[in-house]
Amino acid sequence: MTNKEKLIEKFKESPQSISFSELLKIMQWFDVEAIKGKGSHIIFKNESETIITIPIHNNDCKPFYKKLSRKILKSKNLLS
């Protein structure tokens, strides 16, 4: 199992346990682009739409946003 696969499994099982930098990697693997938003917010977009806006403080985000990111990826059939 590669590091990429391990990180995705960790994200599936317990999204709150990953760091924001790991969340960025995962979103990029699924072709979701991170765009600097206004102030401390990061906007994640795919080719056609804005997926989620996440506020970042102290180089991390709240666990709620990590769980929401997982839910959104699953709803778009990007994450099984």
PDB file of N, CA and C in Angstrom:
ATOM      1  N   MET A   1       0.849  -1.178   0.000  1.00  0.00           N
ATOM      2  CA  MET A   1       0.000   0.000   0.000  1.00  0.00           C
ATOM      3  C   MET A   1       0.897   1.245   0.000  1.00  0.00           C
ATOM      4  N   THR A   2       0.658   2.143  -0.935  1.00  0.00           N
ATOM      5  CA  THR A   2       1.478   3.349  -1.035  1.00  0.00           C
ATOM      6  C   THR A   2       1.076   4.376   0.029  1.00  0.00           C
ATOM      7  N   ASN A   3       1.918   5.378   0.199  1.00  0.00           N
ATOM      8  CA  ASN A   3       1.608   6.440   1.164  1.00  0.00           C
ATOM      9  C   ASN A   3       0.318   7.162   0.791  1.00  0.00           C
ATOM     10  N   LYS A   4       0.094   7.340  -0.498  1.00  0.00           N
ATOM     11  CA  LYS A   4      -1.128   7.990  -0.980  1.00  0.00           C
ATOM     12  C   LYS A   4      -2.352   7.171  -0.567  1.00  0.00           C
ATOM     13  N   GLU A   5      -2.299   5.888  -0.786  1.00  0.00           N
ATOM     14  CA  GLU A   5      -3.415   5.011  -0.415  1.00  0.00           C
ATOM     15  C   GLU A   5      -3.641   4.996   1.093  1.00  0.00           C
ATOM     16  N   LYS A   6      -2.561   4.983   1.860  1.00  0.00           N
ATOM     17  CA  LYS A   6      -2.674   5.003   3.323  1.00  0.00           C
ATOM     18  C   LYS A   6      -3.331   6.282   3.805  1.00  0.00           C
ATOM     19  N   LEU A   7      -2.941   7.411   3.225  1.00  0.00           N
ATOM     20  CA  LEU A   7      -3.503   8.692   3.629  1.00  0.00           C
ATOM     21  C   LEU A   7      -4.990   8.776   3.268  1.00  0.00           C
ATOM     22  N   ILE A   8      -5.354   8.266   2.100  1.00  0.00           N
ATOM     23  CA  ILE A   8      -6.766   8.269   1.705  1.00  0.00           C
ATOM     24  C   ILE A   8      -7.580   7.375   2.632  1.00  0.00           C
ATOM     25  N   GLU A   9      -7.053   6.226   3.003  1.00  0.00           N
ATOM     26  CA  GLU A   9      -7.743   5.345   3.948  1.00  0.00           C
ATOM     27  C   GLU A   9      -7.914   6.026   5.312  1.00  0.00           C
ATOM     28  N   LYS A  10      -6.875   6.683   5.768  1.00  0.00           N
ATOM     29  CA  LYS A  10      -6.939   7.411   7.034  1.00  0.00           C
ATOM     30  C   LYS A  10      -8.017   8.489   6.970  1.00  0.00           C
ATOM     31  N   PHE A  11      -8.101   9.183   5.838  1.00  0.00           N
ATOM     32  CA  PHE A  11      -9.103  10.221   5.626  1.00  0.00           C
ATOM     33  C   PHE A  11     -10.509   9.640   5.623  1.00  0.00           C
ATOM     34  N   LYS A  12     -10.690   8.480   5.002  1.00  0.00           N
ATOM     35  CA  LYS A  12     -11.998   7.828   4.959  1.00  0.00           C
ATOM     36  C   LYS A  12     -12.456   7.409   6.353  1.00  0.00           C
ATOM     37  N   GLU A  13     -11.544   6.839   7.129  1.00  0.00           N
ATOM     38  CA  GLU A  13     -11.882   6.303   8.439  1.00  0.00           C
ATOM     39  C   GLU A  13     -12.029   7.373   9.507  1.00  0.00           C
ATOM     40  N   SER A  14     -11.143   8.365   9.486  1.00  0.00           N
ATOM     41  CA  SER A  14     -11.131   9.371  10.548  1.00  0.00           C
ATOM     42  C   SER A  14     -10.613  10.697   9.992  1.00  0.00           C
ATOM     43  N   PRO A  15     -11.471  11.440   9.307  1.00  0.00           N
ATOM     44  CA  PRO A  15     -11.006  12.670   8.658  1.00  0.00           C
ATOM     45  C   PRO A  15     -10.464  13.718   9.633  1.00  0.00           C
ATOM     46  N   GLN A  16     -10.956  13.734  10.848  1.00  0.00           N
ATOM     47  CA  GLN A  16     -10.481  14.725  11.822  1.00  0.00           C
ATOM     48  C   GLN A  16      -9.043  14.477  12.271  1.00  0.00           C
ATOM     49  N   SER A  17      -8.498  13.298  11.975  1.00  0.00           N
ATOM     50  CA  SER A  17      -7.143  12.971  12.413  1.00  0.00           C
ATOM     51  C   SER A  17      -6.057  13.453  11.444  1.00  0.00           C
ATOM     52  N   ILE A  18      -6.450  13.952  10.269  1.00  0.00           N
ATOM     53  CA  ILE A  18      -5.444  14.412   9.327  1.00  0.00           C
ATOM     54  C   ILE A  18      -5.188  15.909   9.506  1.00  0.00           C
ATOM     55  N   SER A  19      -4.031  16.352   9.051  1.00  0.00           N
ATOM     56  CA  SER A  19      -3.702  17.774   9.125  1.00  0.00           C
ATOM     57  C   SER A  19      -4.288  18.493   7.910  1.00  0.00           C
ATOM     58  N   PHE A  20      -4.301  19.809   7.966  1.00  0.00           N
ATOM     59  CA  PHE A  20      -4.819  20.565   6.827  1.00  0.00           C
ATOM     60  C   PHE A  20      -3.941  20.371   5.594  1.00  0.00           C
ATOM     61  N   SER A  21      -2.633  20.281   5.774  1.00  0.00           N
ATOM     62  CA  SER A  21      -1.745  20.064   4.624  1.00  0.00           C
ATOM     63  C   SER A  21      -2.038  18.712   3.964  1.00  0.00           C
ATOM     64  N   GLU A  22      -2.399  17.714   4.756  1.00  0.00           N
ATOM     65  CA  GLU A  22      -2.777  16.411   4.197  1.00  0.00           C
ATOM     66  C   GLU A  22      -4.113  16.516   3.460  1.00  0.00           C
ATOM     67  N   LEU A  23      -5.035  17.310   4.000  1.00  0.00           N
ATOM     68  CA  LEU A  23      -6.312  17.530   3.320  1.00  0.00           C
ATOM     69  C   LEU A  23      -6.088  18.197   1.965  1.00  0.00           C
ATOM     70  N   LEU A  24      -5.172  19.157   1.911  1.00  0.00           N
ATOM     71  CA  LEU A  24      -4.834  19.806   0.642  1.00  0.00           C
ATOM     72  C   LEU A  24      -4.347  18.787  -0.382  1.00  0.00           C
ATOM     73  N   LYS A  25      -3.459  17.885   0.038  1.00  0.00           N
ATOM     74  CA  LYS A  25      -2.939  16.848  -0.861  1.00  0.00           C
ATOM     75  C   LYS A  25      -4.068  15.973  -1.396  1.00  0.00           C
ATOM     76  N   ILE A  26      -4.945  15.546  -0.492  1.00  0.00           N
ATOM     77  CA  ILE A  26      -6.044  14.658  -0.879  1.00  0.00           C
ATOM     78  C   ILE A  26      -6.956  15.349  -1.884  1.00  0.00           C
ATOM     79  N   MET A  27      -7.299  16.591  -1.617  1.00  0.00           N
ATOM     80  CA  MET A  27      -8.178  17.323  -2.535  1.00  0.00           C
ATOM     81  C   MET A  27      -7.513  17.470  -3.907  1.00  0.00           C
ATOM     82  N   GLN A  28      -6.212  17.717  -3.940  1.00  0.00           N
ATOM     83  CA  GLN A  28      -5.500  17.846  -5.211  1.00  0.00           C
ATOM     84  C   GLN A  28      -5.474  16.525  -5.967  1.00  0.00           C
ATOM     85  N   TRP A  29      -5.352  15.407  -5.254  1.00  0.00           N
ATOM     86  CA  TRP A  29      -5.368  14.094  -5.908  1.00  0.00           C
ATOM     87  C   TRP A  29      -6.691  13.852  -6.628  1.00  0.00           C
ATOM     88  N   PHE A  30      -7.777  14.457  -6.106  1.00  0.00           N
ATOM     89  CA  PHE A  30      -9.090  14.294  -6.723  1.00  0.00           C
ATOM     90  C   PHE A  30      -9.435  15.468  -7.642  1.00  0.00           C
ATOM     91  N   ASP A  31      -8.415  16.166  -8.116  1.00  0.00           N
ATOM     92  CA  ASP A  31      -8.558  17.284  -9.055  1.00  0.00           C
ATOM     93  C   ASP A  31      -9.454  18.396  -8.530  1.00  0.00           C
ATOM     94  N   VAL A  32      -9.344  18.665  -7.237  1.00  0.00           N
ATOM     95  CA  VAL A  32     -10.033  19.796  -6.628  1.00  0.00           C
ATOM     96  C   VAL A  32      -8.959  20.822  -6.297  1.00  0.00           C
ATOM     97  N   GLU A  33      -9.078  21.994  -6.879  1.00  0.00           N
ATOM     98  CA  GLU A  33      -8.055  23.028  -6.776  1.00  0.00           C
ATOM     99  C   GLU A  33      -8.304  23.927  -5.569  1.00  0.00           C
ATOM    100  N   ALA A  34      -7.239  24.250  -4.842  1.00  0.00           N
ATOM    101  CA  ALA A  34      -7.327  25.185  -3.717  1.00  0.00           C
ATOM    102  C   ALA A  34      -6.992  26.587  -4.223  1.00  0.00           C
ATOM    103  N   ILE A  35      -7.912  27.510  -3.985  1.00  0.00           N
ATOM    104  CA  ILE A  35      -7.730  28.893  -4.413  1.00  0.00           C
ATOM    105  C   ILE A  35      -7.779  29.762  -3.167  1.00  0.00           C
ATOM    106  N   LYS A  36      -6.825  30.664  -3.053  1.00  0.00           N
ATOM    107  CA  LYS A  36      -6.804  31.560  -1.898  1.00  0.00           C
ATOM    108  C   LYS A  36      -8.055  32.420  -1.947  1.00  0.00           C
ATOM    109  N   GLY A  37      -8.813  32.396  -0.871  1.00  0.00           N
ATOM    110  CA  GLY A  37     -10.015  33.207  -0.789  1.00  0.00           C
ATOM    111  C   GLY A  37      -9.721  34.534  -0.113  1.00  0.00           C
ATOM    112  N   LYS A  38     -10.711  35.090   0.486  1.00  0.00           N
ATOM    113  CA  LYS A  38     -10.591  36.374   1.154  1.00  0.00           C
ATOM    114  C   LYS A  38     -10.143  36.144   2.598  1.00  0.00           C
ATOM    115  N   GLY A  39      -9.111  36.840   3.019  1.00  0.00           N
ATOM    116  CA  GLY A  39      -8.625  36.705   4.393  1.00  0.00           C
ATOM    117  C   GLY A  39      -8.033  35.333   4.637  1.00  0.00           C
ATOM    118  N   SER A  40      -8.560  34.653   5.644  1.00  0.00           N
ATOM    119  CA  SER A  40      -8.006  33.361   6.042  1.00  0.00           C
ATOM    120  C   SER A  40      -8.762  32.184   5.429  1.00  0.00           C
ATOM    121  N   HIS A  41      -9.527  32.406   4.397  1.00  0.00           N
ATOM    122  CA  HIS A  41     -10.333  31.346   3.803  1.00  0.00           C
ATOM    123  C   HIS A  41      -9.676  30.773   2.543  1.00  0.00           C
ATOM    124  N   ILE A  42      -9.849  29.471   2.380  1.00  0.00           N
ATOM    125  CA  ILE A  42      -9.392  28.759   1.188  1.00  0.00           C
ATOM    126  C   ILE A  42     -10.645  28.228   0.487  1.00  0.00           C
ATOM    127  N   ILE A  43     -10.732  28.470  -0.809  1.00  0.00           N
ATOM    128  CA  ILE A  43     -11.865  27.992  -1.597  1.00  0.00           C
ATOM    129  C   ILE A  43     -11.394  26.799  -2.414  1.00  0.00           C
ATOM    130  N   PHE A  44     -12.141  25.713  -2.343  1.00  0.00           N
ATOM    131  CA  PHE A  44     -11.846  24.525  -3.137  1.00  0.00           C
ATOM    132  C   PHE A  44     -12.832  24.465  -4.290  1.00  0.00           C
ATOM    133  N   LYS A  45     -12.293  24.318  -5.508  1.00  0.00           N
ATOM    134  CA  LYS A  45     -13.127  24.275  -6.712  1.00  0.00           C
ATOM    135  C   LYS A  45     -12.685  23.113  -7.586  1.00  0.00           C
ATOM    136  N   ASN A  46     -13.661  22.519  -8.273  1.00  0.00           N
ATOM    137  CA  ASN A  46     -13.292  21.616  -9.347  1.00  0.00           C
ATOM    138  C   ASN A  46     -13.519  22.371 -10.650  1.00  0.00           C
ATOM    139  N   GLU A  47     -13.541  21.709 -11.767  1.00  0.00           N
ATOM    140  CA  GLU A  47     -13.635  22.397 -13.052  1.00  0.00           C
ATOM    141  C   GLU A  47     -14.905  23.225 -13.194  1.00  0.00           C
ATOM    142  N   SER A  48     -16.001  22.759 -12.621  1.00  0.00           N
ATOM    143  CA  SER A  48     -17.279  23.398 -12.902  1.00  0.00           C
ATOM    144  C   SER A  48     -17.883  24.213 -11.761  1.00  0.00           C
ATOM    145  N   GLU A  49     -17.471  23.972 -10.524  1.00  0.00           N
ATOM    146  CA  GLU A  49     -18.159  24.641  -9.426  1.00  0.00           C
ATOM    147  C   GLU A  49     -17.295  24.788  -8.179  1.00  0.00           C
ATOM    148  N   THR A  50     -17.719  25.676  -7.291  1.00  0.00           N
ATOM    149  CA  THR A  50     -17.102  25.797  -5.983  1.00  0.00           C
ATOM    150  C   THR A  50     -17.633  24.661  -5.127  1.00  0.00           C
ATOM    151  N   ILE A  51     -16.741  23.956  -4.483  1.00  0.00           N
ATOM    152  CA  ILE A  51     -17.149  22.815  -3.678  1.00  0.00           C
ATOM    153  C   ILE A  51     -17.320  23.215  -2.213  1.00  0.00           C
ATOM    154  N   ILE A  52     -16.317  23.893  -1.653  1.00  0.00           N
ATOM    155  CA  ILE A  52     -16.363  24.240  -0.233  1.00  0.00           C
ATOM    156  C   ILE A  52     -15.392  25.388   0.045  1.00  0.00           C
ATOM    157  N   THR A  53     -15.742  26.220   0.999  1.00  0.00           N
ATOM    158  CA  THR A  53     -14.861  27.274   1.492  1.00  0.00           C
ATOM    159  C   THR A  53     -14.512  26.929   2.932  1.00  0.00           C
ATOM    160  N   ILE A  54     -13.218  26.897   3.247  1.00  0.00           N
ATOM    161  CA  ILE A  54     -12.758  26.492   4.580  1.00  0.00           C
ATOM    162  C   ILE A  54     -11.940  27.607   5.216  1.00  0.00           C
ATOM    163  N   PRO A  55     -12.319  28.051   6.422  1.00  0.00           N
ATOM    164  CA  PRO A  55     -11.486  29.032   7.135  1.00  0.00           C
ATOM    165  C   PRO A  55     -10.288  28.337   7.777  1.00  0.00           C
ATOM    166  N   ILE A  56      -9.116  28.945   7.650  1.00  0.00           N
ATOM    167  CA  ILE A  56      -7.877  28.373   8.175  1.00  0.00           C
ATOM    168  C   ILE A  56      -7.340  29.277   9.267  1.00  0.00           C
ATOM    169  N   HIS A  57      -7.067  28.703  10.432  1.00  0.00           N
ATOM    170  CA  HIS A  57      -6.463  29.435  11.542  1.00  0.00           C
ATOM    171  C   HIS A  57      -5.372  28.569  12.143  1.00  0.00           C
ATOM    172  N   ASN A  58      -4.191  29.150  12.348  1.00  0.00           N
ATOM    173  CA  ASN A  58      -3.034  28.417  12.879  1.00  0.00           C
ATOM    174  C   ASN A  58      -2.688  27.201  12.023  1.00  0.00           C
ATOM    175  N   ASN A  59      -2.767  27.375  10.705  1.00  0.00           N
ATOM    176  CA  ASN A  59      -2.437  26.324   9.732  1.00  0.00           C
ATOM    177  C   ASN A  59      -3.261  25.055   9.888  1.00  0.00           C
ATOM    178  N   ASP A  60      -4.493  25.182  10.354  1.00  0.00           N
ATOM    179  CA  ASP A  60      -5.387  24.038  10.457  1.00  0.00           C
ATOM    180  C   ASP A  60      -6.827  24.523  10.335  1.00  0.00           C
ATOM    181  N   CYS A  61      -7.744  23.581  10.180  1.00  0.00           N
ATOM    182  CA  CYS A  61      -9.159  23.910  10.151  1.00  0.00           C
ATOM    183  C   CYS A  61      -9.873  23.017  11.158  1.00  0.00           C
ATOM    184  N   LYS A  62     -11.104  23.354  11.451  1.00  0.00           N
ATOM    185  CA  LYS A  62     -11.867  22.576  12.426  1.00  0.00           C
ATOM    186  C   LYS A  62     -12.215  21.208  11.855  1.00  0.00           C
ATOM    187  N   PRO A  63     -12.328  20.198  12.719  1.00  0.00           N
ATOM    188  CA  PRO A  63     -12.654  18.842  12.256  1.00  0.00           C
ATOM    189  C   PRO A  63     -13.944  18.778  11.433  1.00  0.00           C
ATOM    190  N   PHE A  64     -14.894  19.664  11.722  1.00  0.00           N
ATOM    191  CA  PHE A  64     -16.144  19.693  10.977  1.00  0.00           C
ATOM    192  C   PHE A  64     -15.890  19.847   9.473  1.00  0.00           C
ATOM    193  N   TYR A  65     -14.955  20.728   9.100  1.00  0.00           N
ATOM    194  CA  TYR A  65     -14.667  20.972   7.687  1.00  0.00           C
ATOM    195  C   TYR A  65     -13.972  19.783   7.030  1.00  0.00           C
ATOM    196  N   LYS A  66     -13.195  19.050   7.801  1.00  0.00           N
ATOM    197  CA  LYS A  66     -12.550  17.845   7.270  1.00  0.00           C
ATOM    198  C   LYS A  66     -13.599  16.769   6.993  1.00  0.00           C
ATOM    199  N   LYS A  67     -14.551  16.609   7.926  1.00  0.00           N
ATOM    200  CA  LYS A  67     -15.630  15.643   7.739  1.00  0.00           C
ATOM    201  C   LYS A  67     -16.520  16.060   6.563  1.00  0.00           C
ATOM    202  N   LEU A  68     -16.800  17.356   6.468  1.00  0.00           N
ATOM    203  CA  LEU A  68     -17.617  17.864   5.375  1.00  0.00           C
ATOM    204  C   LEU A  68     -16.925  17.640   4.027  1.00  0.00           C
ATOM    205  N   SER A  69     -15.619  17.813   3.980  1.00  0.00           N
ATOM    206  CA  SER A  69     -14.861  17.573   2.750  1.00  0.00           C
ATOM    207  C   SER A  69     -15.000  16.118   2.320  1.00  0.00           C
ATOM    208  N   ARG A  70     -14.909  15.208   3.277  1.00  0.00           N
ATOM    209  CA  ARG A  70     -15.069  13.782   2.965  1.00  0.00           C
ATOM    210  C   ARG A  70     -16.474  13.512   2.427  1.00  0.00           C
ATOM    211  N   LYS A  71     -17.468  14.094   3.068  1.00  0.00           N
ATOM    212  CA  LYS A  71     -18.860  13.901   2.647  1.00  0.00           C
ATOM    213  C   LYS A  71     -19.080  14.436   1.228  1.00  0.00           C
ATOM    214  N   ILE A  72     -18.509  15.585   0.928  1.00  0.00           N
ATOM    215  CA  ILE A  72     -18.659  16.177  -0.405  1.00  0.00           C
ATOM    216  C   ILE A  72     -17.972  15.316  -1.460  1.00  0.00           C
ATOM    217  N   LEU A  73     -16.761  14.842  -1.182  1.00  0.00           N
ATOM    218  CA  LEU A  73     -16.065  13.972  -2.135  1.00  0.00           C
ATOM    219  C   LEU A  73     -16.851  12.693  -2.383  1.00  0.00           C
ATOM    220  N   LYS A  74     -17.459  12.140  -1.339  1.00  0.00           N
ATOM    221  CA  LYS A  74     -18.272  10.936  -1.499  1.00  0.00           C
ATOM    222  C   LYS A  74     -19.517  11.225  -2.328  1.00  0.00           C
ATOM    223  N   SER A  75     -20.167  12.372  -2.084  1.00  0.00           N
ATOM    224  CA  SER A  75     -21.398  12.701  -2.813  1.00  0.00           C
ATOM    225  C   SER A  75     -21.135  12.932  -4.298  1.00  0.00           C
ATOM    226  N   LYS A  76     -19.936  13.343  -4.641  1.00  0.00           N
ATOM    227  CA  LYS A  76     -19.560  13.573  -6.043  1.00  0.00           C
ATOM    228  C   LYS A  76     -18.931  12.309  -6.652  1.00  0.00           C
ATOM    229  N   ASN A  77     -18.988  11.209  -5.922  1.00  0.00           N
ATOM    230  CA  ASN A  77     -18.449   9.918  -6.366  1.00  0.00           C
ATOM    231  C   ASN A  77     -16.962   9.984  -6.685  1.00  0.00           C
ATOM    232  N   LEU A  78     -16.249  10.852  -6.003  1.00  0.00           N
ATOM    233  CA  LEU A  78     -14.797  10.920  -6.161  1.00  0.00           C
ATOM    234  C   LEU A  78     -14.105  10.028  -5.140  1.00  0.00           C
ATOM    235  N   LEU A  79     -14.779   9.797  -4.041  1.00  0.00           N
ATOM    236  CA  LEU A  79     -14.233   8.989  -2.950  1.00  0.00           C
ATOM    237  C   LEU A  79     -15.215   7.862  -2.700  1.00  0.00           C
ATOM    238  N   SER A  80     -14.739   6.631  -2.718  1.00  0.00           N
ATOM    239  CA  SER A  80     -15.647   5.493  -2.532  1.00  0.00           C
ATOM    240  C   SER A  80     -15.737   5.089  -1.082  1.00  0.00           C
TER     241      SER A  80
END
